[in-house]
Amino acid sequence: MKKAFIQLHIAVLLAGLTGVLGKIITLNEGLLVWYRLLLTSLALWVIYLFRRPSSSIAGKDIFHIFGIGAIAALHWVAFYGSIKYSNVSVGLLCFSAVGFFTALIEPLVLRHRVDFVELLLGLMVIAGIFLIFQVDPSYKTGIIIGLVSSLLGSLFPVLNKRILQRVPTGTVTLYELTGGFLFLSILLPFYLMLAPASKLLPDWKDWIGLLVLSLACTVLAFSLSMNALKRLSAFTVNLSYNLEPVYGILLAFVLFREDRYMHGGFYTGFALIILSIGLQMLRMWRRKQKQGAVRPLAKSG
């Protein structure tokens, strides 16, 4: 369990860089994600062919994994769209709503009872985003796109939970991101008709950002979070990813001085999200303490 938490938080730290890179890379959100998936898929296939794993995968599972990859691709497009239409800080805070959506979706998909404490913690995040929306309506478009991103982002960890019970993590990652790339390759021409891009090819600075985004923030982070998901609940993984805004916003404040454009409502909403994370950590710690107290009694009996 301890190893899973360490892996998860390294992945979250790397994920905190993605918002900043999304701001630095000058491509529009559709092309940015397409290049990200292209580079990531190539890197994963090189690793896969080099290792040559002996495990096989059923055709039905490949179809399901490709579908989850398509959802992941749409999530990333919406995530970077939120940043492009607002800023890094607002886009990252909207991503925190993934915990609320997970608390609703996970019980439906995995067929267990709704945890109302999880739902309440998720609602605290929604309240924080609502405060930002109310005080500064100029971020309206970015916030709406960000909430769509959070909804999509809550789906694929929950759906992965079942797949990971019978398919190795590395295989899931490979086929999922490949499926996302193929799906977005089909969708991209239509997307560019609706949202024309000022340029189609990255410059050298964009290539550097894309390589960091693909190899460190995607290949490594995705693998770490998948491994953590084997031992932790989807809600715990998603809620821990609420730390992503903390790292990303601090970087945005330092690099882009976004703190100059923030107001009281932003910081109040940000505080609600931090409180939600802290309460969940406390809740998990207490649960672990109770389990530790029960186990020795069971052994002595």
C-alpha atoms as a PDB file:
ATOM      1  CA  MET A   1       0.000   0.000   0.000  1.00  0.00           C
ATOM      2  CA  LYS A   2       2.833   2.415   0.875  1.00  0.00           C
ATOM      3  CA  LYS A   3       4.551   1.753  -2.466  1.00  0.00           C
ATOM      4  CA  ALA A   4       1.277   2.415  -4.292  1.00  0.00           C
ATOM      5  CA  PHE A   5       0.910   5.803  -2.584  1.00  0.00           C
ATOM      6  CA  ILE A   6       4.484   6.788  -3.491  1.00  0.00           C
ATOM      7  CA  GLN A   7       3.929   5.805  -7.120  1.00  0.00           C
ATOM      8  CA  LEU A   8       0.650   7.698  -7.185  1.00  0.00           C
ATOM      9  CA  HIS A   9       2.116  10.942  -5.859  1.00  0.00           C
ATOM     10  CA  ILE A  10       5.095  10.862  -8.220  1.00  0.00           C
ATOM     11  CA  ALA A  11       2.545  10.525 -11.030  1.00  0.00           C
ATOM     12  CA  VAL A  12       0.574  13.457  -9.596  1.00  0.00           C
ATOM     13  CA  LEU A  13       3.725  15.601  -9.440  1.00  0.00           C
ATOM     14  CA  LEU A  14       4.466  14.854 -13.093  1.00  0.00           C
ATOM     15  CA  ALA A  15       0.835  15.551 -13.955  1.00  0.00           C
ATOM     16  CA  GLY A  16       1.202  18.976 -12.350  1.00  0.00           C
ATOM     17  CA  LEU A  17       3.619  19.864 -15.148  1.00  0.00           C
ATOM     18  CA  THR A  18       1.119  19.151 -17.925  1.00  0.00           C
ATOM     19  CA  GLY A  19      -0.882  22.357 -17.465  1.00  0.00           C
ATOM     20  CA  VAL A  20       2.244  24.496 -17.640  1.00  0.00           C
ATOM     21  CA  LEU A  21       3.433  22.643 -20.763  1.00  0.00           C
ATOM     22  CA  GLY A  22      -0.016  23.115 -22.289  1.00  0.00           C
ATOM     23  CA  LYS A  23       0.439  26.856 -21.901  1.00  0.00           C
ATOM     24  CA  ILE A  24       3.996  26.847 -23.287  1.00  0.00           C
ATOM     25  CA  ILE A  25       3.216  24.703 -26.351  1.00  0.00           C
ATOM     26  CA  THR A  26       1.689  27.005 -28.968  1.00  0.00           C
ATOM     27  CA  LEU A  27      -0.355  24.386 -30.850  1.00  0.00           C
ATOM     28  CA  ASN A  28      -4.118  24.333 -30.384  1.00  0.00           C
ATOM     29  CA  GLU A  29      -5.529  21.731 -28.000  1.00  0.00           C
ATOM     30  CA  GLY A  30      -6.480  19.166 -30.672  1.00  0.00           C
ATOM     31  CA  LEU A  31      -3.076  19.149 -32.355  1.00  0.00           C
ATOM     32  CA  LEU A  32      -1.268  19.259 -29.010  1.00  0.00           C
ATOM     33  CA  VAL A  33      -2.969  16.066 -27.840  1.00  0.00           C
ATOM     34  CA  TRP A  34      -2.503  14.394 -31.241  1.00  0.00           C
ATOM     35  CA  TYR A  35       1.276  14.981 -31.188  1.00  0.00           C
ATOM     36  CA  ARG A  36       1.389  13.947 -27.527  1.00  0.00           C
ATOM     37  CA  LEU A  37      -0.320  10.642 -28.302  1.00  0.00           C
ATOM     38  CA  LEU A  38       1.817  10.088 -31.417  1.00  0.00           C
ATOM     39  CA  LEU A  39       5.086  10.439 -29.495  1.00  0.00           C
ATOM     40  CA  THR A  40       3.760   8.481 -26.516  1.00  0.00           C
ATOM     41  CA  SER A  41       2.467   5.589 -28.630  1.00  0.00           C
ATOM     42  CA  LEU A  42       5.769   5.336 -30.519  1.00  0.00           C
ATOM     43  CA  ALA A  43       7.736   5.264 -27.260  1.00  0.00           C
ATOM     44  CA  LEU A  44       5.465   2.605 -25.762  1.00  0.00           C
ATOM     45  CA  TRP A  45       5.650   0.365 -28.834  1.00  0.00           C
ATOM     46  CA  VAL A  46       9.468   0.558 -28.821  1.00  0.00           C
ATOM     47  CA  ILE A  47       9.462  -0.495 -25.141  1.00  0.00           C
ATOM     48  CA  TYR A  48       6.905  -3.230 -25.842  1.00  0.00           C
ATOM     49  CA  LEU A  49       8.864  -4.710 -28.781  1.00  0.00           C
ATOM     50  CA  PHE A  50      12.113  -4.533 -26.821  1.00  0.00           C
ATOM     51  CA  ARG A  51      10.679  -6.394 -23.824  1.00  0.00           C
ATOM     52  CA  ARG A  52       8.464  -8.768 -25.858  1.00  0.00           C
ATOM     53  CA  PRO A  53       6.068  -9.742 -23.040  1.00  0.00           C
ATOM     54  CA  SER A  54       4.635 -13.248 -23.289  1.00  0.00           C
ATOM     55  CA  SER A  55       1.123 -12.341 -22.081  1.00  0.00           C
ATOM     56  CA  SER A  56      -1.656 -12.286 -24.666  1.00  0.00           C
ATOM     57  CA  ILE A  57      -4.827 -10.194 -24.725  1.00  0.00           C
ATOM     58  CA  ALA A  58      -8.299 -11.123 -25.915  1.00  0.00           C
ATOM     59  CA  GLY A  59      -9.834  -9.287 -28.861  1.00  0.00           C
ATOM     60  CA  LYS A  60     -12.790  -8.217 -26.714  1.00  0.00           C
ATOM     61  CA  ASP A  61     -10.440  -6.608 -24.199  1.00  0.00           C
ATOM     62  CA  ILE A  62      -8.579  -4.759 -26.968  1.00  0.00           C
ATOM     63  CA  PHE A  63     -11.875  -3.279 -28.152  1.00  0.00           C
ATOM     64  CA  HIS A  64     -12.756  -2.130 -24.628  1.00  0.00           C
ATOM     65  CA  ILE A  65      -9.298  -0.685 -24.004  1.00  0.00           C
ATOM     66  CA  PHE A  66      -9.387   1.230 -27.288  1.00  0.00           C
ATOM     67  CA  GLY A  67     -12.721   2.698 -26.212  1.00  0.00           C
ATOM     68  CA  ILE A  68     -11.247   3.831 -22.885  1.00  0.00           C
ATOM     69  CA  GLY A  69      -8.322   5.345 -24.816  1.00  0.00           C
ATOM     70  CA  ALA A  70     -10.769   7.375 -26.910  1.00  0.00           C
ATOM     71  CA  ILE A  71     -12.291   8.777 -23.708  1.00  0.00           C
ATOM     72  CA  ALA A  72      -8.797   9.625 -22.427  1.00  0.00           C
ATOM     73  CA  ALA A  73      -8.011  11.472 -25.681  1.00  0.00           C
ATOM     74  CA  LEU A  74     -11.199  13.536 -25.451  1.00  0.00           C
ATOM     75  CA  HIS A  75     -10.436  14.291 -21.798  1.00  0.00           C
ATOM     76  CA  TRP A  76      -7.018  15.685 -22.729  1.00  0.00           C
ATOM     77  CA  VAL A  77      -8.425  17.780 -25.576  1.00  0.00           C
ATOM     78  CA  ALA A  78     -10.987  19.301 -23.206  1.00  0.00           C
ATOM     79  CA  PHE A  79      -8.345  19.798 -20.490  1.00  0.00           C
ATOM     80  CA  TYR A  80      -6.017  21.776 -22.753  1.00  0.00           C
ATOM     81  CA  GLY A  81      -8.980  23.579 -24.283  1.00  0.00           C
ATOM     82  CA  SER A  82      -9.895  24.765 -20.782  1.00  0.00           C
ATOM     83  CA  ILE A  83      -6.368  26.133 -20.304  1.00  0.00           C
ATOM     84  CA  LYS A  84      -6.323  27.822 -23.702  1.00  0.00           C
ATOM     85  CA  TYR A  85      -9.703  29.519 -23.072  1.00  0.00           C
ATOM     86  CA  SER A  86      -8.870  30.607 -19.496  1.00  0.00           C
ATOM     87  CA  ASN A  87      -5.441  30.018 -17.922  1.00  0.00           C
ATOM     88  CA  VAL A  88      -3.411  27.262 -16.268  1.00  0.00           C
ATOM     89  CA  SER A  89      -4.741  27.936 -12.764  1.00  0.00           C
ATOM     90  CA  VAL A  90      -8.431  27.886 -13.695  1.00  0.00           C
ATOM     91  CA  GLY A  91      -8.024  24.869 -15.975  1.00  0.00           C
ATOM     92  CA  LEU A  92      -6.277  22.878 -13.249  1.00  0.00           C
ATOM     93  CA  LEU A  93      -8.829  23.794 -10.597  1.00  0.00           C
ATOM     94  CA  CYS A  94     -11.672  22.633 -12.843  1.00  0.00           C
ATOM     95  CA  PHE A  95      -9.907  19.293 -13.176  1.00  0.00           C
ATOM     96  CA  SER A  96     -10.380  18.848  -9.419  1.00  0.00           C
ATOM     97  CA  ALA A  97     -14.093  18.205 -10.033  1.00  0.00           C
ATOM     98  CA  VAL A  98     -13.095  14.710 -11.184  1.00  0.00           C
ATOM     99  CA  GLY A  99     -13.550  13.520  -7.572  1.00  0.00           C
ATOM    100  CA  PHE A 100     -17.200  14.583  -7.538  1.00  0.00           C
ATOM    101  CA  PHE A 101     -17.957  12.851 -10.827  1.00  0.00           C
ATOM    102  CA  THR A 102     -16.134   9.709  -9.694  1.00  0.00           C
ATOM    103  CA  ALA A 103     -18.209   9.541  -6.513  1.00  0.00           C
ATOM    104  CA  LEU A 104     -21.306   9.389  -8.751  1.00  0.00           C
ATOM    105  CA  ILE A 105     -19.996   7.203 -11.583  1.00  0.00           C
ATOM    106  CA  GLU A 106     -17.935   4.566  -9.735  1.00  0.00           C
ATOM    107  CA  PRO A 107     -20.928   3.102  -7.830  1.00  0.00           C
ATOM    108  CA  LEU A 108     -22.896   2.836 -11.086  1.00  0.00           C
ATOM    109  CA  VAL A 109     -20.109   1.112 -13.021  1.00  0.00           C
ATOM    110  CA  LEU A 110     -18.766  -1.141 -10.242  1.00  0.00           C
ATOM    111  CA  ARG A 111     -22.218  -1.671  -8.693  1.00  0.00           C
ATOM    112  CA  HIS A 112     -21.690  -0.724  -5.087  1.00  0.00           C
ATOM    113  CA  ARG A 113     -23.382   1.729  -2.750  1.00  0.00           C
ATOM    114  CA  VAL A 114     -22.762   5.457  -3.015  1.00  0.00           C
ATOM    115  CA  ASP A 115     -20.309   6.732  -0.402  1.00  0.00           C
ATOM    116  CA  PHE A 116     -21.957   9.967   0.724  1.00  0.00           C
ATOM    117  CA  VAL A 117     -18.766  11.200   2.394  1.00  0.00           C
ATOM    118  CA  GLU A 118     -16.957  10.927  -0.946  1.00  0.00           C
ATOM    119  CA  LEU A 119     -19.860  12.721  -2.588  1.00  0.00           C
ATOM    120  CA  LEU A 120     -19.704  15.519  -0.008  1.00  0.00           C
ATOM    121  CA  LEU A 121     -15.959  15.952  -0.522  1.00  0.00           C
ATOM    122  CA  GLY A 122     -16.528  16.145  -4.261  1.00  0.00           C
ATOM    123  CA  LEU A 123     -19.255  18.750  -3.762  1.00  0.00           C
ATOM    124  CA  MET A 124     -16.781  20.906  -1.832  1.00  0.00           C
ATOM    125  CA  VAL A 125     -14.647  21.019  -4.970  1.00  0.00           C
ATOM    126  CA  ILE A 126     -17.663  21.936  -7.104  1.00  0.00           C
ATOM    127  CA  ALA A 127     -18.460  24.738  -4.631  1.00  0.00           C
ATOM    128  CA  GLY A 128     -14.913  26.054  -5.006  1.00  0.00           C
ATOM    129  CA  ILE A 129     -15.209  26.118  -8.798  1.00  0.00           C
ATOM    130  CA  PHE A 130     -18.619  27.807  -8.518  1.00  0.00           C
ATOM    131  CA  LEU A 131     -17.059  30.604  -6.446  1.00  0.00           C
ATOM    132  CA  ILE A 132     -14.499  31.287  -9.169  1.00  0.00           C
ATOM    133  CA  PHE A 133     -17.241  31.247 -11.809  1.00  0.00           C
ATOM    134  CA  GLN A 134     -19.427  33.677  -9.874  1.00  0.00           C
ATOM    135  CA  VAL A 135     -16.712  36.213  -9.106  1.00  0.00           C
ATOM    136  CA  ASP A 136     -15.049  36.253 -12.546  1.00  0.00           C
ATOM    137  CA  PRO A 137     -17.375  35.283 -15.423  1.00  0.00           C
ATOM    138  CA  SER A 138     -14.600  35.982 -17.963  1.00  0.00           C
ATOM    139  CA  TYR A 139     -13.457  32.393 -17.373  1.00  0.00           C
ATOM    140  CA  LYS A 140     -16.914  30.999 -18.209  1.00  0.00           C
ATOM    141  CA  THR A 141     -15.953  29.139 -21.391  1.00  0.00           C
ATOM    142  CA  GLY A 142     -12.780  27.723 -19.874  1.00  0.00           C
ATOM    143  CA  ILE A 143     -14.635  26.544 -16.757  1.00  0.00           C
ATOM    144  CA  ILE A 144     -17.388  24.803 -18.743  1.00  0.00           C
ATOM    145  CA  ILE A 145     -14.816  23.007 -20.930  1.00  0.00           C
ATOM    146  CA  GLY A 146     -12.855  22.162 -17.779  1.00  0.00           C
ATOM    147  CA  LEU A 147     -15.901  20.523 -16.182  1.00  0.00           C
ATOM    148  CA  VAL A 148     -16.414  18.442 -19.327  1.00  0.00           C
ATOM    149  CA  SER A 149     -12.773  17.424 -19.024  1.00  0.00           C
ATOM    150  CA  SER A 150     -13.338  16.388 -15.392  1.00  0.00           C
ATOM    151  CA  LEU A 151     -16.382  14.305 -16.315  1.00  0.00           C
ATOM    152  CA  LEU A 152     -14.419  12.456 -18.996  1.00  0.00           C
ATOM    153  CA  GLY A 153     -11.410  12.157 -16.686  1.00  0.00           C
ATOM    154  CA  SER A 154     -13.518  10.410 -14.046  1.00  0.00           C
ATOM    155  CA  LEU A 155     -14.595   7.711 -16.493  1.00  0.00           C
ATOM    156  CA  PHE A 156     -11.400   6.021 -17.624  1.00  0.00           C
ATOM    157  CA  PRO A 157      -9.859   5.255 -14.167  1.00  0.00           C
ATOM    158  CA  VAL A 158     -13.144   3.624 -13.134  1.00  0.00           C
ATOM    159  CA  LEU A 159     -13.345   1.631 -16.371  1.00  0.00           C
ATOM    160  CA  ASN A 160      -9.672   0.667 -16.041  1.00  0.00           C
ATOM    161  CA  LYS A 161     -10.336  -0.866 -12.638  1.00  0.00           C
ATOM    162  CA  ARG A 162     -11.990  -3.940 -14.173  1.00  0.00           C
ATOM    163  CA  ILE A 163      -9.584  -4.263 -17.106  1.00  0.00           C
ATOM    164  CA  LEU A 164      -6.561  -4.240 -14.789  1.00  0.00           C
ATOM    165  CA  GLN A 165      -7.893  -7.305 -12.995  1.00  0.00           C
ATOM    166  CA  ARG A 166      -7.075  -9.466 -16.024  1.00  0.00           C
ATOM    167  CA  VAL A 167      -4.689  -7.443 -18.269  1.00  0.00           C
ATOM    168  CA  PRO A 168      -1.153  -6.298 -17.262  1.00  0.00           C
ATOM    169  CA  THR A 169      -0.657  -2.592 -16.614  1.00  0.00           C
ATOM    170  CA  GLY A 170       1.882  -2.090 -19.402  1.00  0.00           C
ATOM    171  CA  THR A 171      -0.391  -3.718 -21.968  1.00  0.00           C
ATOM    172  CA  VAL A 172      -3.357  -1.600 -20.905  1.00  0.00           C
ATOM    173  CA  THR A 173      -1.282   1.584 -21.170  1.00  0.00           C
ATOM    174  CA  LEU A 174       0.044   0.633 -24.613  1.00  0.00           C
ATOM    175  CA  TYR A 175      -3.310  -0.242 -26.179  1.00  0.00           C
ATOM    176  CA  GLU A 176      -5.171   2.552 -24.424  1.00  0.00           C
ATOM    177  CA  LEU A 177      -2.944   5.352 -25.702  1.00  0.00           C
ATOM    178  CA  THR A 178      -2.683   3.744 -29.131  1.00  0.00           C
ATOM    179  CA  GLY A 179      -6.473   3.585 -29.271  1.00  0.00           C
ATOM    180  CA  GLY A 180      -6.653   7.232 -28.229  1.00  0.00           C
ATOM    181  CA  PHE A 181      -4.219   8.185 -30.996  1.00  0.00           C
ATOM    182  CA  LEU A 182      -6.154   6.283 -33.682  1.00  0.00           C
ATOM    183  CA  PHE A 183      -9.460   7.754 -32.523  1.00  0.00           C
ATOM    184  CA  LEU A 184      -8.117  11.303 -32.483  1.00  0.00           C
ATOM    185  CA  SER A 185      -6.482  10.814 -35.896  1.00  0.00           C
ATOM    186  CA  ILE A 186      -9.939  10.114 -37.327  1.00  0.00           C
ATOM    187  CA  LEU A 187     -11.568  12.950 -35.403  1.00  0.00           C
ATOM    188  CA  LEU A 188      -8.884  15.623 -35.915  1.00  0.00           C
ATOM    189  CA  PRO A 189      -9.748  16.733 -39.496  1.00  0.00           C
ATOM    190  CA  PHE A 190     -13.333  17.427 -38.417  1.00  0.00           C
ATOM    191  CA  TYR A 191     -12.116  19.130 -35.238  1.00  0.00           C
ATOM    192  CA  LEU A 192      -9.836  21.445 -37.221  1.00  0.00           C
ATOM    193  CA  MET A 193     -12.754  22.404 -39.441  1.00  0.00           C
ATOM    194  CA  LEU A 194     -14.639  23.604 -36.343  1.00  0.00           C
ATOM    195  CA  ALA A 195     -11.572  25.059 -34.586  1.00  0.00           C
ATOM    196  CA  PRO A 196      -9.005  26.084 -37.244  1.00  0.00           C
ATOM    197  CA  ALA A 197      -5.392  26.140 -36.085  1.00  0.00           C
ATOM    198  CA  SER A 198      -2.960  28.987 -36.734  1.00  0.00           C
ATOM    199  CA  LYS A 199      -0.233  26.408 -37.425  1.00  0.00           C
ATOM    200  CA  LEU A 200      -0.113  22.647 -37.947  1.00  0.00           C
ATOM    201  CA  LEU A 201       3.560  21.869 -37.310  1.00  0.00           C
ATOM    202  CA  PRO A 202       5.372  22.413 -33.993  1.00  0.00           C
ATOM    203  CA  ASP A 203       8.468  24.630 -33.831  1.00  0.00           C
ATOM    204  CA  TRP A 204      11.595  23.466 -31.978  1.00  0.00           C
ATOM    205  CA  LYS A 205      10.373  24.830 -28.628  1.00  0.00           C
ATOM    206  CA  ASP A 206       7.079  22.993 -29.086  1.00  0.00           C
ATOM    207  CA  TRP A 207       8.961  19.769 -29.836  1.00  0.00           C
ATOM    208  CA  ILE A 208      10.887  20.034 -26.568  1.00  0.00           C
ATOM    209  CA  GLY A 209       7.663  20.589 -24.629  1.00  0.00           C
ATOM    210  CA  LEU A 210       5.955  17.713 -26.442  1.00  0.00           C
ATOM    211  CA  LEU A 211       8.812  15.313 -25.676  1.00  0.00           C
ATOM    212  CA  VAL A 212       8.711  16.158 -21.956  1.00  0.00           C
ATOM    213  CA  LEU A 213       4.929  15.928 -21.995  1.00  0.00           C
ATOM    214  CA  SER A 214       4.956  12.562 -23.774  1.00  0.00           C
ATOM    215  CA  LEU A 215       7.819  10.706 -22.108  1.00  0.00           C
ATOM    216  CA  ALA A 216       7.776  12.012 -18.527  1.00  0.00           C
ATOM    217  CA  CYS A 217       4.257  13.322 -17.976  1.00  0.00           C
ATOM    218  CA  THR A 218       2.490  10.585 -19.956  1.00  0.00           C
ATOM    219  CA  VAL A 219       4.501   7.349 -20.302  1.00  0.00           C
ATOM    220  CA  LEU A 220       6.033   7.413 -16.832  1.00  0.00           C
ATOM    221  CA  ALA A 221       3.102   9.057 -15.007  1.00  0.00           C
ATOM    222  CA  PHE A 222       0.487   6.852 -16.684  1.00  0.00           C
ATOM    223  CA  SER A 223       2.373   3.675 -15.767  1.00  0.00           C
ATOM    224  CA  LEU A 224       2.811   4.764 -12.146  1.00  0.00           C
ATOM    225  CA  SER A 225      -0.859   5.661 -11.714  1.00  0.00           C
ATOM    226  CA  MET A 226      -1.945   2.349 -13.268  1.00  0.00           C
ATOM    227  CA  ASN A 227       0.220   0.415 -10.818  1.00  0.00           C
ATOM    228  CA  ALA A 228      -1.223   2.421  -7.917  1.00  0.00           C
ATOM    229  CA  LEU A 229      -4.758   1.744  -9.139  1.00  0.00           C
ATOM    230  CA  LYS A 230      -4.227  -1.988  -8.575  1.00  0.00           C
ATOM    231  CA  ARG A 231      -4.005  -1.402  -4.816  1.00  0.00           C
ATOM    232  CA  LEU A 232      -6.082   1.760  -4.337  1.00  0.00           C
ATOM    233  CA  SER A 233      -9.685   2.670  -5.161  1.00  0.00           C
ATOM    234  CA  ALA A 234     -10.458   4.754  -8.240  1.00  0.00           C
ATOM    235  CA  PHE A 235     -11.842   7.491  -5.979  1.00  0.00           C
ATOM    236  CA  THR A 236      -8.601   7.623  -3.953  1.00  0.00           C
ATOM    237  CA  VAL A 237      -6.545   7.873  -7.147  1.00  0.00           C
ATOM    238  CA  ASN A 238      -8.769  10.591  -8.565  1.00  0.00           C
ATOM    239  CA  LEU A 239      -8.919  12.545  -5.304  1.00  0.00           C
ATOM    240  CA  SER A 240      -5.135  12.382  -4.941  1.00  0.00           C
ATOM    241  CA  TYR A 241      -4.916  13.845  -8.425  1.00  0.00           C
ATOM    242  CA  ASN A 242      -6.534  16.930  -6.909  1.00  0.00           C
ATOM    243  CA  LEU A 243      -2.995  17.740  -5.782  1.00  0.00           C
ATOM    244  CA  GLU A 244      -2.222  18.301  -9.462  1.00  0.00           C
ATOM    245  CA  PRO A 245      -3.647  21.848  -9.311  1.00  0.00           C
ATOM    246  CA  VAL A 246      -1.455  22.624  -6.284  1.00  0.00           C
ATOM    247  CA  TYR A 247       1.758  21.834  -8.157  1.00  0.00           C
ATOM    248  CA  GLY A 248       0.549  23.259 -11.461  1.00  0.00           C
ATOM    249  CA  ILE A 249      -0.800  26.498 -10.004  1.00  0.00           C
ATOM    250  CA  LEU A 250       2.385  27.163  -8.038  1.00  0.00           C
ATOM    251  CA  LEU A 251       4.383  26.671 -11.232  1.00  0.00           C
ATOM    252  CA  ALA A 252       1.988  28.957 -13.148  1.00  0.00           C
ATOM    253  CA  PHE A 253       2.358  31.635 -10.468  1.00  0.00           C
ATOM    254  CA  VAL A 254       6.158  31.475 -10.735  1.00  0.00           C
ATOM    255  CA  LEU A 255       6.498  31.138 -14.530  1.00  0.00           C
ATOM    256  CA  PHE A 256       3.546  33.165 -15.815  1.00  0.00           C
ATOM    257  CA  ARG A 257       2.753  35.347 -12.775  1.00  0.00           C
ATOM    258  CA  GLU A 258      -0.902  34.296 -12.947  1.00  0.00           C
ATOM    259  CA  ASP A 259      -1.239  35.347  -9.305  1.00  0.00           C
ATOM    260  CA  ARG A 260      -1.524  38.940 -10.552  1.00  0.00           C
ATOM    261  CA  TYR A 261      -4.851  38.088 -12.221  1.00  0.00           C
ATOM    262  CA  MET A 262      -6.372  36.081  -9.383  1.00  0.00           C
ATOM    263  CA  HIS A 263      -8.949  37.484  -6.943  1.00  0.00           C
ATOM    264  CA  GLY A 264     -10.435  36.585  -3.571  1.00  0.00           C
ATOM    265  CA  GLY A 265     -12.967  34.163  -5.037  1.00  0.00           C
ATOM    266  CA  PHE A 266     -10.196  32.140  -6.661  1.00  0.00           C
ATOM    267  CA  TYR A 267      -8.312  31.707  -3.398  1.00  0.00           C
ATOM    268  CA  THR A 268     -11.498  30.855  -1.486  1.00  0.00           C
ATOM    269  CA  GLY A 269     -12.321  28.160  -4.044  1.00  0.00           C
ATOM    270  CA  PHE A 270      -8.744  26.922  -3.944  1.00  0.00           C
ATOM    271  CA  ALA A 271      -8.943  26.669  -0.141  1.00  0.00           C
ATOM    272  CA  LEU A 272     -12.111  24.547  -0.377  1.00  0.00           C
ATOM    273  CA  ILE A 273     -10.330  22.117  -2.692  1.00  0.00           C
ATOM    274  CA  ILE A 274      -7.324  21.859  -0.365  1.00  0.00           C
ATOM    275  CA  LEU A 275      -9.725  21.248   2.559  1.00  0.00           C
ATOM    276  CA  SER A 276     -11.420  18.458   0.594  1.00  0.00           C
ATOM    277  CA  ILE A 277      -8.054  16.778  -0.015  1.00  0.00           C
ATOM    278  CA  GLY A 278      -7.029  17.132   3.624  1.00  0.00           C
ATOM    279  CA  LEU A 279     -10.277  15.637   4.914  1.00  0.00           C
ATOM    280  CA  GLN A 280      -9.963  12.642   2.592  1.00  0.00           C
ATOM    281  CA  MET A 281      -6.377  12.036   3.711  1.00  0.00           C
ATOM    282  CA  LEU A 282      -7.515  12.188   7.354  1.00  0.00           C
ATOM    283  CA  ARG A 283     -10.383   9.812   6.608  1.00  0.00           C
ATOM    284  CA  MET A 284      -8.054   7.290   4.971  1.00  0.00           C
ATOM    285  CA  TRP A 285      -5.558   7.534   7.834  1.00  0.00           C
ATOM    286  CA  ARG A 286      -8.278   6.827  10.406  1.00  0.00           C
ATOM    287  CA  ARG A 287      -9.521   3.875   8.371  1.00  0.00           C
ATOM    288  CA  LYS A 288      -5.990   2.461   8.227  1.00  0.00           C
ATOM    289  CA  GLN A 289      -5.580   2.920  11.987  1.00  0.00           C
ATOM    290  CA  LYS A 290      -8.796   0.970  12.646  1.00  0.00           C
ATOM    291  CA  GLN A 291      -7.699  -1.853  10.349  1.00  0.00           C
ATOM    292  CA  GLY A 292      -4.347  -2.010  12.128  1.00  0.00           C
ATOM    293  CA  ALA A 293      -6.093  -2.254  15.481  1.00  0.00           C
ATOM    294  CA  VAL A 294      -8.368  -5.111  14.367  1.00  0.00           C
ATOM    295  CA  ARG A 295      -5.814  -7.376  12.663  1.00  0.00           C
ATOM    296  CA  PRO A 296      -3.720  -8.331  15.748  1.00  0.00           C
ATOM    297  CA  LEU A 297      -6.903  -9.317  17.599  1.00  0.00           C
ATOM    298  CA  ALA A 298      -7.933 -11.555  14.726  1.00  0.00           C
ATOM    299  CA  LYS A 299      -4.552 -13.304  14.738  1.00  0.00           C
ATOM    300  CA  SER A 300      -4.490 -13.879  18.495  1.00  0.00           C
ATOM    301  CA  GLY A 301      -7.895 -15.518  18.392  1.00  0.00           C
END
